[in-house]
Amino acid sequence: MKTLLPLLIACSLAAGGAFATPFGNWTEQRFSVFSANTWTQSGRGVKVVSDDAVSLIWSRLPPSKGDSAKATWTWSVDTSVPATALNRKGGDDRNLSLYFVFMPPDAAQANRDAGIRTLLKVKEARVLMYVWGGNHARGSVLPSPYLGERGKTIVRRPAGVGAFSETVDLAADYSRAFGAQKTVLVGLAVSADSDDTGTSIRAQLRDLGLD
């Protein structure tokens, strides 16, 4: 299964009061022993090489940042997968996905130390997935073919190359996607997915912050 529930550790930005999420020690989750991306992490970001492969990297978010309501980051793509239907199971390759995982307070506390596969079974979990890829219009909100009503894809950029800065309102997007008030943010992950189309990705994500 390509879509898993991620978590993250973070620290304060030197300026602006936002919450930086340093890379360097995020854990890779593979979906096949024979196929995985190559992730190169530094403190400020991560580069990914994906050749007919899929995997993600993840890490935990401290409880002190569970109320974060906005996020910013920059990302770039030099080699892109083709445009795909992101709401179709299989064939839904995308350059980059940035996942935000939420749970109600009781569920967040009960699963604070759980592994990813356990978190997949938590019925209260909700996941916003900001995606660069697909053949959908910017801003489209799509159901996840893997998480059903527990996960929603928000298209930030259709498939293609370039470099962009992003700012998202997590609270507003959560309400729009799930029709409810945002719960506790418990984690993040980054994935790249090229295995269905047998193509390649060269991309990076940097300067991820929460506020």
N, C-alpha and C. Protein backbone atom coordinates (compact mmCIF):
# COMPACT_ATOMS: atom_id res chain seq x y z
N MET A 1 0.84 -1.19 0.00
CA MET A 1 0.00 0.00 0.00
C MET A 1 0.88 1.24 0.00
N LYS A 2 0.57 2.16 -0.90
CA LYS A 2 1.46 3.30 -1.08
C LYS A 2 1.25 4.39 -0.04
N THR A 3 0.02 4.52 0.44
CA THR A 3 -0.26 5.64 1.32
C THR A 3 -0.23 5.17 2.76
N LEU A 4 0.71 5.64 3.52
CA LEU A 4 0.87 5.26 4.91
C LEU A 4 0.81 6.49 5.79
N LEU A 5 0.57 6.28 7.07
CA LEU A 5 0.48 7.39 8.01
C LEU A 5 1.85 7.73 8.55
N PRO A 6 2.29 9.02 8.34
CA PRO A 6 3.62 9.42 8.76
C PRO A 6 3.63 10.28 10.00
N LEU A 7 4.81 10.44 10.59
CA LEU A 7 5.00 11.29 11.76
C LEU A 7 6.31 12.04 11.66
N LEU A 8 6.53 13.10 12.56
CA LEU A 8 7.75 13.89 12.38
C LEU A 8 8.28 14.58 13.60
N ILE A 9 9.61 14.81 13.69
CA ILE A 9 10.26 15.56 14.76
C ILE A 9 10.66 16.91 14.20
N ALA A 10 10.54 17.99 14.96
CA ALA A 10 10.85 19.31 14.43
C ALA A 10 11.45 20.23 15.47
N CYS A 11 11.92 21.41 15.04
CA CYS A 11 12.54 22.39 15.93
C CYS A 11 12.23 23.79 15.43
N SER A 12 12.59 24.83 16.20
CA SER A 12 12.22 26.20 15.85
C SER A 12 13.08 26.77 14.74
N LEU A 13 12.46 27.57 13.86
CA LEU A 13 13.22 28.32 12.87
C LEU A 13 13.96 29.47 13.55
N ALA A 14 15.07 29.85 12.97
CA ALA A 14 15.84 30.96 13.54
C ALA A 14 15.10 32.28 13.42
N ALA A 15 14.24 32.42 12.40
CA ALA A 15 13.52 33.68 12.22
C ALA A 15 12.09 33.40 11.83
N GLY A 16 11.24 34.38 12.13
CA GLY A 16 9.86 34.34 11.67
C GLY A 16 8.90 33.61 12.58
N GLY A 17 9.38 32.85 13.57
CA GLY A 17 8.51 32.21 14.52
C GLY A 17 7.87 30.94 14.01
N ALA A 18 8.13 30.54 12.77
CA ALA A 18 7.57 29.30 12.24
C ALA A 18 8.31 28.12 12.84
N PHE A 19 7.83 26.95 12.53
CA PHE A 19 8.38 25.75 13.12
C PHE A 19 9.06 24.93 12.03
N ALA A 20 10.38 24.87 12.06
CA ALA A 20 11.12 24.16 11.03
C ALA A 20 11.06 22.66 11.28
N THR A 21 11.10 21.88 10.22
CA THR A 21 11.08 20.43 10.32
C THR A 21 12.35 19.89 9.68
N PRO A 22 13.42 19.77 10.44
CA PRO A 22 14.69 19.36 9.85
C PRO A 22 14.65 17.92 9.36
N PHE A 23 15.20 17.71 8.19
CA PHE A 23 15.39 16.36 7.69
C PHE A 23 16.73 15.84 8.24
N GLY A 24 17.16 14.71 7.77
CA GLY A 24 18.42 14.14 8.21
C GLY A 24 18.25 12.80 8.88
N ASN A 25 17.16 12.65 9.63
CA ASN A 25 16.93 11.40 10.35
C ASN A 25 15.53 10.83 10.13
N TRP A 26 14.87 11.27 9.08
CA TRP A 26 13.57 10.67 8.77
C TRP A 26 13.79 9.22 8.35
N THR A 27 12.83 8.37 8.66
CA THR A 27 12.93 6.94 8.39
C THR A 27 12.23 6.59 7.08
N GLU A 28 12.88 5.79 6.26
CA GLU A 28 12.25 5.36 5.01
C GLU A 28 11.32 4.18 5.25
N GLN A 29 10.17 4.22 4.61
CA GLN A 29 9.24 3.09 4.57
C GLN A 29 9.15 2.59 3.14
N ARG A 30 9.59 1.36 2.94
CA ARG A 30 9.50 0.76 1.61
C ARG A 30 8.20 0.00 1.46
N PHE A 31 7.76 -0.15 0.22
CA PHE A 31 6.57 -0.92 -0.08
C PHE A 31 6.90 -2.22 -0.78
N SER A 32 8.16 -2.38 -1.17
CA SER A 32 8.63 -3.60 -1.80
C SER A 32 10.11 -3.76 -1.50
N VAL A 33 10.56 -5.00 -1.26
CA VAL A 33 11.98 -5.22 -1.00
C VAL A 33 12.80 -5.06 -2.27
N PHE A 34 12.13 -5.03 -3.41
CA PHE A 34 12.83 -4.96 -4.68
C PHE A 34 12.82 -3.56 -5.31
N SER A 35 12.07 -2.64 -4.72
CA SER A 35 11.91 -1.34 -5.35
C SER A 35 11.77 -0.26 -4.29
N ALA A 36 12.65 0.75 -4.36
CA ALA A 36 12.56 1.88 -3.43
C ALA A 36 13.24 3.08 -4.03
N ASN A 37 12.84 4.25 -3.58
CA ASN A 37 13.48 5.49 -4.00
C ASN A 37 14.83 5.65 -3.32
N THR A 38 15.63 6.57 -3.84
CA THR A 38 16.87 6.97 -3.19
C THR A 38 16.67 8.36 -2.61
N TRP A 39 16.72 8.45 -1.27
CA TRP A 39 16.50 9.71 -0.57
C TRP A 39 17.83 10.23 -0.04
N THR A 40 18.12 11.50 -0.29
CA THR A 40 19.32 12.14 0.24
C THR A 40 18.89 13.30 1.11
N GLN A 41 19.06 13.15 2.43
CA GLN A 41 18.57 14.14 3.38
C GLN A 41 19.69 15.06 3.87
N SER A 42 19.32 16.32 4.09
CA SER A 42 20.17 17.28 4.78
C SER A 42 19.30 17.97 5.81
N GLY A 43 19.86 18.87 6.60
CA GLY A 43 19.06 19.53 7.61
C GLY A 43 17.89 20.32 7.06
N ARG A 44 18.06 20.92 5.90
CA ARG A 44 17.04 21.80 5.34
C ARG A 44 16.10 21.12 4.36
N GLY A 45 16.41 19.93 3.91
CA GLY A 45 15.54 19.34 2.92
C GLY A 45 15.94 17.94 2.53
N VAL A 46 15.31 17.48 1.45
CA VAL A 46 15.56 16.13 0.96
C VAL A 46 15.46 16.12 -0.56
N LYS A 47 16.36 15.35 -1.19
CA LYS A 47 16.31 15.10 -2.62
C LYS A 47 15.90 13.65 -2.84
N VAL A 48 15.17 13.41 -3.92
CA VAL A 48 14.75 12.05 -4.21
C VAL A 48 15.01 11.71 -5.68
N VAL A 49 15.49 10.51 -5.88
CA VAL A 49 15.64 9.90 -7.20
C VAL A 49 14.73 8.68 -7.20
N SER A 50 13.80 8.64 -8.14
CA SER A 50 12.84 7.55 -8.22
C SER A 50 12.81 7.03 -9.65
N ASP A 51 13.20 5.76 -9.82
CA ASP A 51 13.21 5.12 -11.13
C ASP A 51 12.35 3.86 -11.05
N ASP A 52 11.10 3.97 -11.55
CA ASP A 52 10.17 2.84 -11.49
C ASP A 52 10.09 2.32 -10.06
N ALA A 53 9.86 3.24 -9.10
CA ALA A 53 9.93 2.88 -7.68
C ALA A 53 8.94 3.72 -6.88
N VAL A 54 8.78 3.35 -5.61
CA VAL A 54 7.94 4.12 -4.69
C VAL A 54 8.40 3.85 -3.27
N SER A 55 8.46 4.89 -2.45
CA SER A 55 8.67 4.78 -1.01
C SER A 55 8.44 6.15 -0.40
N LEU A 56 8.43 6.20 0.93
CA LEU A 56 8.29 7.48 1.62
C LEU A 56 9.27 7.55 2.78
N ILE A 57 9.47 8.76 3.29
CA ILE A 57 10.24 8.96 4.50
C ILE A 57 9.34 9.65 5.52
N TRP A 58 9.53 9.32 6.81
CA TRP A 58 8.63 9.83 7.84
C TRP A 58 9.37 9.98 9.17
N SER A 59 8.77 10.75 10.07
CA SER A 59 9.28 10.90 11.42
C SER A 59 8.22 11.53 12.31
N ARG A 60 8.39 11.52 13.59
CA ARG A 60 7.35 11.95 14.53
C ARG A 60 7.32 13.46 14.73
N LEU A 61 6.14 13.95 15.12
CA LEU A 61 5.94 15.36 15.47
C LEU A 61 5.69 15.47 16.97
N PRO A 62 6.38 16.33 17.68
CA PRO A 62 6.17 16.48 19.13
C PRO A 62 4.75 16.95 19.44
N PRO A 63 4.19 16.55 20.58
CA PRO A 63 2.85 16.99 20.96
C PRO A 63 2.73 18.50 21.03
N SER A 64 3.81 19.20 21.31
CA SER A 64 3.76 20.66 21.45
C SER A 64 3.37 21.36 20.15
N LYS A 65 3.47 20.68 19.03
CA LYS A 65 3.12 21.29 17.74
C LYS A 65 1.86 20.69 17.14
N GLY A 66 1.08 20.02 17.97
CA GLY A 66 -0.15 19.42 17.47
C GLY A 66 -1.19 20.41 17.01
N ASP A 67 -1.11 21.67 17.49
CA ASP A 67 -2.08 22.68 17.10
C ASP A 67 -1.67 23.47 15.86
N SER A 68 -0.56 23.15 15.25
CA SER A 68 -0.10 23.88 14.06
C SER A 68 -1.20 23.94 13.01
N ALA A 69 -1.41 25.13 12.44
CA ALA A 69 -2.53 25.33 11.52
C ALA A 69 -2.10 25.79 10.13
N LYS A 70 -0.81 26.10 9.95
CA LYS A 70 -0.32 26.52 8.64
C LYS A 70 1.01 25.83 8.34
N ALA A 71 1.32 25.69 7.07
CA ALA A 71 2.58 25.08 6.66
C ALA A 71 3.13 25.80 5.43
N THR A 72 4.45 25.84 5.35
CA THR A 72 5.14 26.42 4.20
C THR A 72 6.27 25.49 3.78
N TRP A 73 6.60 25.49 2.51
CA TRP A 73 7.75 24.74 2.01
C TRP A 73 8.07 25.18 0.59
N THR A 74 9.22 24.79 0.11
CA THR A 74 9.56 24.96 -1.31
C THR A 74 9.85 23.58 -1.88
N TRP A 75 9.55 23.41 -3.16
CA TRP A 75 9.86 22.14 -3.80
C TRP A 75 10.14 22.38 -5.27
N SER A 76 10.87 21.45 -5.87
CA SER A 76 11.23 21.56 -7.28
C SER A 76 11.26 20.18 -7.90
N VAL A 77 10.98 20.12 -9.20
CA VAL A 77 11.00 18.87 -9.97
C VAL A 77 11.77 19.12 -11.25
N ASP A 78 12.80 18.33 -11.48
CA ASP A 78 13.58 18.41 -12.71
C ASP A 78 13.16 17.35 -13.73
N THR A 79 12.71 16.19 -13.25
CA THR A 79 12.22 15.11 -14.10
C THR A 79 10.89 14.65 -13.55
N SER A 80 9.84 14.67 -14.38
CA SER A 80 8.48 14.42 -13.91
C SER A 80 7.89 13.14 -14.47
N VAL A 81 7.07 12.47 -13.66
CA VAL A 81 6.24 11.40 -14.18
C VAL A 81 5.15 12.01 -15.06
N PRO A 82 4.50 11.22 -15.91
CA PRO A 82 3.40 11.75 -16.72
C PRO A 82 2.19 12.03 -15.84
N ALA A 83 1.25 12.79 -16.40
CA ALA A 83 0.00 13.08 -15.69
C ALA A 83 -0.82 11.81 -15.53
N THR A 84 -1.34 11.60 -14.32
CA THR A 84 -2.11 10.41 -14.01
C THR A 84 -3.40 10.80 -13.27
N ALA A 85 -4.28 9.82 -13.10
CA ALA A 85 -5.50 10.01 -12.31
C ALA A 85 -5.20 9.66 -10.87
N LEU A 86 -5.12 10.67 -10.01
CA LEU A 86 -4.70 10.45 -8.63
C LEU A 86 -5.76 9.79 -7.77
N ASN A 87 -6.98 9.73 -8.24
CA ASN A 87 -8.04 9.08 -7.47
C ASN A 87 -8.29 7.65 -7.93
N ARG A 88 -7.37 7.10 -8.70
CA ARG A 88 -7.49 5.73 -9.19
C ARG A 88 -6.43 4.87 -8.53
N LYS A 89 -6.81 3.75 -7.96
CA LYS A 89 -5.87 2.86 -7.31
C LYS A 89 -5.05 2.12 -8.36
N GLY A 90 -3.73 2.33 -8.32
CA GLY A 90 -2.86 1.81 -9.36
C GLY A 90 -2.85 2.79 -10.52
N GLY A 91 -1.67 3.12 -11.01
CA GLY A 91 -1.56 4.08 -12.08
C GLY A 91 -1.58 5.52 -11.61
N ASP A 92 -1.51 5.74 -10.29
CA ASP A 92 -1.64 7.09 -9.73
C ASP A 92 -0.28 7.67 -9.33
N ASP A 93 0.72 7.53 -10.19
CA ASP A 93 2.04 8.08 -9.90
C ASP A 93 1.99 9.59 -9.73
N ARG A 94 2.89 10.11 -8.87
CA ARG A 94 3.01 11.54 -8.65
C ARG A 94 4.44 11.86 -8.28
N ASN A 95 4.87 13.11 -8.56
CA ASN A 95 6.26 13.49 -8.29
C ASN A 95 6.56 13.52 -6.80
N LEU A 96 5.78 14.29 -6.07
CA LEU A 96 5.96 14.43 -4.62
C LEU A 96 4.61 14.53 -3.95
N SER A 97 4.52 13.95 -2.77
CA SER A 97 3.37 14.13 -1.89
C SER A 97 3.89 14.48 -0.51
N LEU A 98 3.25 15.47 0.11
CA LEU A 98 3.57 15.84 1.48
C LEU A 98 2.32 15.59 2.32
N TYR A 99 2.44 14.67 3.28
CA TYR A 99 1.28 14.19 4.04
C TYR A 99 1.28 14.80 5.44
N PHE A 100 0.09 15.25 5.87
CA PHE A 100 -0.15 15.75 7.22
C PHE A 100 -1.16 14.82 7.87
N VAL A 101 -0.79 14.25 9.02
CA VAL A 101 -1.63 13.26 9.68
C VAL A 101 -2.23 13.84 10.96
N PHE A 102 -3.54 13.71 11.11
CA PHE A 102 -4.28 14.27 12.24
C PHE A 102 -5.04 13.17 12.98
N MET A 103 -5.22 13.35 14.28
CA MET A 103 -6.06 12.47 15.08
C MET A 103 -6.71 13.27 16.21
N PRO A 104 -7.86 12.83 16.71
CA PRO A 104 -8.41 13.43 17.92
C PRO A 104 -7.43 13.25 19.08
N PRO A 105 -7.51 14.10 20.10
CA PRO A 105 -6.53 14.04 21.19
C PRO A 105 -6.36 12.66 21.83
N ASP A 106 -7.45 11.98 22.13
CA ASP A 106 -7.34 10.67 22.77
C ASP A 106 -6.61 9.66 21.88
N ALA A 107 -6.95 9.66 20.59
CA ALA A 107 -6.31 8.73 19.65
C ALA A 107 -4.85 9.09 19.44
N ALA A 108 -4.56 10.41 19.40
CA ALA A 108 -3.18 10.85 19.24
C ALA A 108 -2.32 10.37 20.41
N GLN A 109 -2.83 10.50 21.62
CA GLN A 109 -2.08 10.07 22.79
C GLN A 109 -1.91 8.55 22.81
N ALA A 110 -2.96 7.83 22.49
CA ALA A 110 -2.91 6.37 22.54
C ALA A 110 -1.95 5.79 21.50
N ASN A 111 -1.75 6.53 20.39
CA ASN A 111 -0.91 6.02 19.31
C ASN A 111 0.38 6.80 19.15
N ARG A 112 0.79 7.52 20.20
CA ARG A 112 1.95 8.39 20.13
C ARG A 112 3.21 7.63 19.72
N ASP A 113 3.35 6.39 20.17
CA ASP A 113 4.56 5.61 19.89
C ASP A 113 4.33 4.48 18.89
N ALA A 114 3.19 4.47 18.25
CA ALA A 114 2.84 3.39 17.32
C ALA A 114 3.64 3.48 16.04
N GLY A 115 3.87 2.35 15.40
CA GLY A 115 4.50 2.31 14.10
C GLY A 115 3.51 2.64 13.00
N ILE A 116 4.03 2.82 11.81
CA ILE A 116 3.19 3.25 10.68
C ILE A 116 2.09 2.25 10.37
N ARG A 117 2.41 0.97 10.37
CA ARG A 117 1.40 -0.02 9.98
C ARG A 117 0.27 -0.08 11.00
N THR A 118 0.59 0.16 12.26
CA THR A 118 -0.47 0.25 13.26
C THR A 118 -1.33 1.47 13.04
N LEU A 119 -0.69 2.59 12.73
CA LEU A 119 -1.44 3.82 12.50
C LEU A 119 -2.41 3.70 11.33
N LEU A 120 -2.08 2.88 10.35
CA LEU A 120 -2.98 2.69 9.22
C LEU A 120 -4.34 2.15 9.64
N LYS A 121 -4.38 1.48 10.78
CA LYS A 121 -5.62 0.86 11.24
C LYS A 121 -6.43 1.77 12.16
N VAL A 122 -5.89 2.94 12.49
CA VAL A 122 -6.60 3.86 13.39
C VAL A 122 -7.74 4.53 12.63
N LYS A 123 -8.97 4.18 12.98
CA LYS A 123 -10.12 4.67 12.21
C LYS A 123 -10.32 6.17 12.35
N GLU A 124 -9.84 6.77 13.46
CA GLU A 124 -10.03 8.20 13.68
C GLU A 124 -9.03 9.06 12.91
N ALA A 125 -7.99 8.47 12.35
CA ALA A 125 -6.96 9.24 11.64
C ALA A 125 -7.53 9.91 10.39
N ARG A 126 -7.02 11.11 10.11
CA ARG A 126 -7.35 11.82 8.88
C ARG A 126 -6.05 12.34 8.28
N VAL A 127 -5.91 12.25 6.96
CA VAL A 127 -4.66 12.59 6.29
C VAL A 127 -4.93 13.55 5.14
N LEU A 128 -4.25 14.71 5.18
CA LEU A 128 -4.23 15.63 4.05
C LEU A 128 -2.96 15.37 3.26
N MET A 129 -3.09 15.16 1.96
CA MET A 129 -1.95 14.88 1.10
C MET A 129 -1.85 15.98 0.04
N TYR A 130 -0.84 16.83 0.15
CA TYR A 130 -0.60 17.88 -0.84
C TYR A 130 0.32 17.31 -1.91
N VAL A 131 -0.13 17.36 -3.15
CA VAL A 131 0.51 16.59 -4.21
C VAL A 131 0.95 17.47 -5.36
N TRP A 132 2.14 17.15 -5.88
CA TRP A 132 2.61 17.67 -7.17
C TRP A 132 2.56 16.51 -8.14
N GLY A 133 1.55 16.53 -8.99
CA GLY A 133 1.38 15.44 -9.96
C GLY A 133 -0.06 15.33 -10.39
N GLY A 134 -0.34 14.38 -11.27
CA GLY A 134 -1.69 14.11 -11.71
C GLY A 134 -2.14 14.98 -12.87
N ASN A 135 -3.36 14.71 -13.33
CA ASN A 135 -3.95 15.45 -14.44
C ASN A 135 -5.14 16.28 -14.00
N HIS A 136 -5.18 16.65 -12.72
CA HIS A 136 -6.29 17.38 -12.15
C HIS A 136 -5.95 18.87 -12.01
N ALA A 137 -6.97 19.70 -11.90
CA ALA A 137 -6.77 21.13 -11.75
C ALA A 137 -6.18 21.47 -10.38
N ARG A 138 -5.38 22.52 -10.34
CA ARG A 138 -4.83 23.00 -9.08
C ARG A 138 -5.96 23.28 -8.10
N GLY A 139 -5.80 22.81 -6.86
CA GLY A 139 -6.81 23.01 -5.84
C GLY A 139 -7.83 21.91 -5.74
N SER A 140 -7.82 20.97 -6.67
CA SER A 140 -8.78 19.86 -6.61
C SER A 140 -8.60 19.06 -5.32
N VAL A 141 -9.71 18.66 -4.71
CA VAL A 141 -9.70 17.80 -3.53
C VAL A 141 -10.25 16.45 -3.94
N LEU A 142 -9.43 15.41 -3.81
CA LEU A 142 -9.78 14.09 -4.31
C LEU A 142 -9.78 13.06 -3.19
N PRO A 143 -10.65 12.06 -3.26
CA PRO A 143 -10.60 10.99 -2.27
C PRO A 143 -9.36 10.13 -2.49
N SER A 144 -8.80 9.62 -1.41
CA SER A 144 -7.65 8.72 -1.51
C SER A 144 -8.14 7.33 -1.93
N PRO A 145 -7.54 6.73 -2.96
CA PRO A 145 -7.95 5.38 -3.34
C PRO A 145 -7.48 4.33 -2.34
N TYR A 146 -6.65 4.71 -1.38
CA TYR A 146 -6.11 3.77 -0.40
C TYR A 146 -6.72 3.96 0.98
N LEU A 147 -7.01 5.21 1.36
CA LEU A 147 -7.55 5.48 2.69
C LEU A 147 -9.04 5.78 2.69
N GLY A 148 -9.65 5.87 1.53
CA GLY A 148 -11.06 6.16 1.47
C GLY A 148 -11.38 7.52 2.07
N GLU A 149 -12.39 7.58 2.91
CA GLU A 149 -12.81 8.85 3.49
C GLU A 149 -11.84 9.36 4.55
N ARG A 150 -10.87 8.57 4.96
CA ARG A 150 -9.89 9.02 5.95
C ARG A 150 -8.78 9.86 5.34
N GLY A 151 -8.63 9.83 4.03
CA GLY A 151 -7.56 10.57 3.38
C GLY A 151 -8.06 11.37 2.18
N LYS A 152 -7.53 12.59 2.03
CA LYS A 152 -7.89 13.43 0.89
C LYS A 152 -6.63 13.98 0.24
N THR A 153 -6.62 13.96 -1.08
CA THR A 153 -5.54 14.53 -1.88
C THR A 153 -5.91 15.95 -2.29
N ILE A 154 -4.99 16.88 -2.06
CA ILE A 154 -5.17 18.26 -2.52
C ILE A 154 -4.09 18.55 -3.55
N VAL A 155 -4.49 18.83 -4.76
CA VAL A 155 -3.54 19.04 -5.85
C VAL A 155 -2.98 20.46 -5.77
N ARG A 156 -1.67 20.57 -5.55
CA ARG A 156 -0.99 21.87 -5.56
C ARG A 156 -0.43 22.20 -6.93
N ARG A 157 0.08 21.17 -7.62
CA ARG A 157 0.66 21.36 -8.96
C ARG A 157 0.36 20.11 -9.79
N PRO A 158 -0.11 20.26 -11.04
CA PRO A 158 -0.23 19.10 -11.91
C PRO A 158 1.15 18.61 -12.34
N ALA A 159 1.20 17.43 -12.91
CA ALA A 159 2.48 16.85 -13.32
C ALA A 159 3.25 17.81 -14.22
N GLY A 160 4.56 17.89 -14.00
CA GLY A 160 5.41 18.78 -14.77
C GLY A 160 6.63 19.18 -13.96
N VAL A 161 7.48 20.00 -14.54
CA VAL A 161 8.71 20.41 -13.88
C VAL A 161 8.62 21.88 -13.48
N GLY A 162 9.58 22.30 -12.63
CA GLY A 162 9.60 23.68 -12.17
C GLY A 162 10.03 23.76 -10.72
N ALA A 163 9.89 24.95 -10.14
CA ALA A 163 10.23 25.19 -8.74
C ALA A 163 9.24 26.20 -8.17
N PHE A 164 8.71 25.91 -6.98
CA PHE A 164 7.66 26.74 -6.40
C PHE A 164 7.78 26.78 -4.89
N SER A 165 7.24 27.85 -4.30
CA SER A 165 7.06 27.96 -2.85
C SER A 165 5.58 27.79 -2.56
N GLU A 166 5.27 27.11 -1.45
CA GLU A 166 3.89 26.83 -1.10
C GLU A 166 3.59 27.33 0.31
N THR A 167 2.37 27.82 0.49
CA THR A 167 1.82 28.16 1.79
C THR A 167 0.41 27.59 1.86
N VAL A 168 0.11 26.79 2.87
CA VAL A 168 -1.21 26.17 2.98
C VAL A 168 -1.80 26.45 4.35
N ASP A 169 -3.12 26.57 4.38
CA ASP A 169 -3.89 26.73 5.60
C ASP A 169 -4.45 25.37 5.97
N LEU A 170 -3.79 24.69 6.89
CA LEU A 170 -4.18 23.34 7.25
C LEU A 170 -5.58 23.29 7.84
N ALA A 171 -5.92 24.28 8.67
CA ALA A 171 -7.24 24.28 9.30
C ALA A 171 -8.35 24.42 8.26
N ALA A 172 -8.17 25.35 7.33
CA ALA A 172 -9.19 25.55 6.30
C ALA A 172 -9.28 24.36 5.36
N ASP A 173 -8.14 23.81 4.98
CA ASP A 173 -8.15 22.66 4.07
C ASP A 173 -8.74 21.42 4.74
N TYR A 174 -8.47 21.25 6.02
CA TYR A 174 -9.06 20.12 6.75
C TYR A 174 -10.57 20.24 6.76
N SER A 175 -11.06 21.43 7.06
CA SER A 175 -12.50 21.64 7.09
C SER A 175 -13.12 21.40 5.72
N ARG A 176 -12.45 21.88 4.68
CA ARG A 176 -12.96 21.69 3.31
C ARG A 176 -12.95 20.22 2.91
N ALA A 177 -11.91 19.50 3.32
CA ALA A 177 -11.76 18.11 2.92
C ALA A 177 -12.67 17.16 3.70
N PHE A 178 -12.79 17.41 5.02
CA PHE A 178 -13.48 16.46 5.88
C PHE A 178 -14.76 16.99 6.50
N GLY A 179 -15.07 18.27 6.29
CA GLY A 179 -16.30 18.83 6.81
C GLY A 179 -16.34 18.88 8.32
N ALA A 180 -15.18 19.06 8.94
CA ALA A 180 -15.09 19.08 10.40
C ALA A 180 -13.94 19.97 10.81
N GLN A 181 -13.84 20.24 12.11
CA GLN A 181 -12.76 21.06 12.63
C GLN A 181 -11.48 20.24 12.73
N LYS A 182 -10.36 20.86 12.43
CA LYS A 182 -9.06 20.18 12.47
C LYS A 182 -8.81 19.58 13.84
N THR A 183 -8.23 18.37 13.85
CA THR A 183 -7.83 17.71 15.08
C THR A 183 -6.33 17.90 15.30
N VAL A 184 -5.70 17.02 16.06
CA VAL A 184 -4.30 17.18 16.45
C VAL A 184 -3.37 16.69 15.33
N LEU A 185 -2.43 17.53 14.93
CA LEU A 185 -1.43 17.14 13.94
C LEU A 185 -0.39 16.26 14.61
N VAL A 186 -0.26 15.04 14.16
CA VAL A 186 0.67 14.10 14.80
C VAL A 186 1.88 13.74 13.94
N GLY A 187 1.88 14.08 12.64
CA GLY A 187 3.04 13.74 11.85
C GLY A 187 2.97 14.11 10.39
N LEU A 188 4.09 13.89 9.71
CA LEU A 188 4.27 14.22 8.30
C LEU A 188 5.09 13.15 7.59
N ALA A 189 5.00 13.12 6.28
CA ALA A 189 5.89 12.31 5.46
C ALA A 189 6.00 12.90 4.07
N VAL A 190 6.99 12.46 3.34
CA VAL A 190 7.19 12.84 1.94
C VAL A 190 7.31 11.56 1.14
N SER A 191 6.59 11.49 0.02
CA SER A 191 6.70 10.32 -0.84
C SER A 191 6.92 10.74 -2.28
N ALA A 192 7.48 9.82 -3.07
CA ALA A 192 7.60 9.96 -4.52
C ALA A 192 7.23 8.61 -5.12
N ASP A 193 6.56 8.63 -6.29
CA ASP A 193 5.91 7.42 -6.79
C ASP A 193 5.99 7.39 -8.32
N SER A 194 6.79 6.46 -8.83
CA SER A 194 6.95 6.35 -10.29
C SER A 194 6.77 4.92 -10.78
N ASP A 195 6.33 4.00 -9.91
CA ASP A 195 6.37 2.58 -10.27
C ASP A 195 5.27 2.14 -11.22
N ASP A 196 4.11 2.79 -11.17
CA ASP A 196 3.01 2.36 -12.03
C ASP A 196 3.27 2.69 -13.50
N THR A 197 3.88 3.84 -13.76
CA THR A 197 4.16 4.25 -15.13
C THR A 197 5.55 3.83 -15.59
N GLY A 198 6.36 3.28 -14.68
CA GLY A 198 7.70 2.84 -15.04
C GLY A 198 8.59 3.98 -15.51
N THR A 199 8.41 5.15 -14.92
CA THR A 199 9.15 6.34 -15.35
C THR A 199 10.09 6.80 -14.23
N SER A 200 10.51 8.06 -14.26
CA SER A 200 11.51 8.56 -13.33
C SER A 200 11.12 9.91 -12.75
N ILE A 201 11.65 10.17 -11.55
CA ILE A 201 11.47 11.46 -10.87
C ILE A 201 12.82 11.93 -10.37
N ARG A 202 13.09 13.22 -10.54
CA ARG A 202 14.22 13.88 -9.89
C ARG A 202 13.63 15.13 -9.24
N ALA A 203 13.60 15.17 -7.91
CA ALA A 203 12.89 16.24 -7.23
C ALA A 203 13.49 16.50 -5.85
N GLN A 204 13.10 17.63 -5.25
CA GLN A 204 13.51 17.92 -3.89
C GLN A 204 12.48 18.77 -3.19
N LEU A 205 12.50 18.71 -1.85
CA LEU A 205 11.64 19.52 -1.00
C LEU A 205 12.51 20.12 0.09
N ARG A 206 12.32 21.45 0.36
CA ARG A 206 13.18 22.14 1.31
C ARG A 206 12.37 23.09 2.19
N ASP A 207 12.98 23.48 3.31
CA ASP A 207 12.50 24.55 4.16
C ASP A 207 11.03 24.35 4.57
N LEU A 208 10.75 23.17 5.07
CA LEU A 208 9.41 22.84 5.55
C LEU A 208 9.20 23.43 6.93
N GLY A 209 8.14 24.22 7.09
CA GLY A 209 7.86 24.86 8.37
C GLY A 209 6.41 24.78 8.76
N LEU A 210 6.15 24.79 10.06
CA LEU A 210 4.80 24.78 10.62
C LEU A 210 4.62 25.99 11.52
N ASP A 211 3.39 26.49 11.58
CA ASP A 211 3.11 27.64 12.43
C ASP A 211 1.69 27.53 12.98
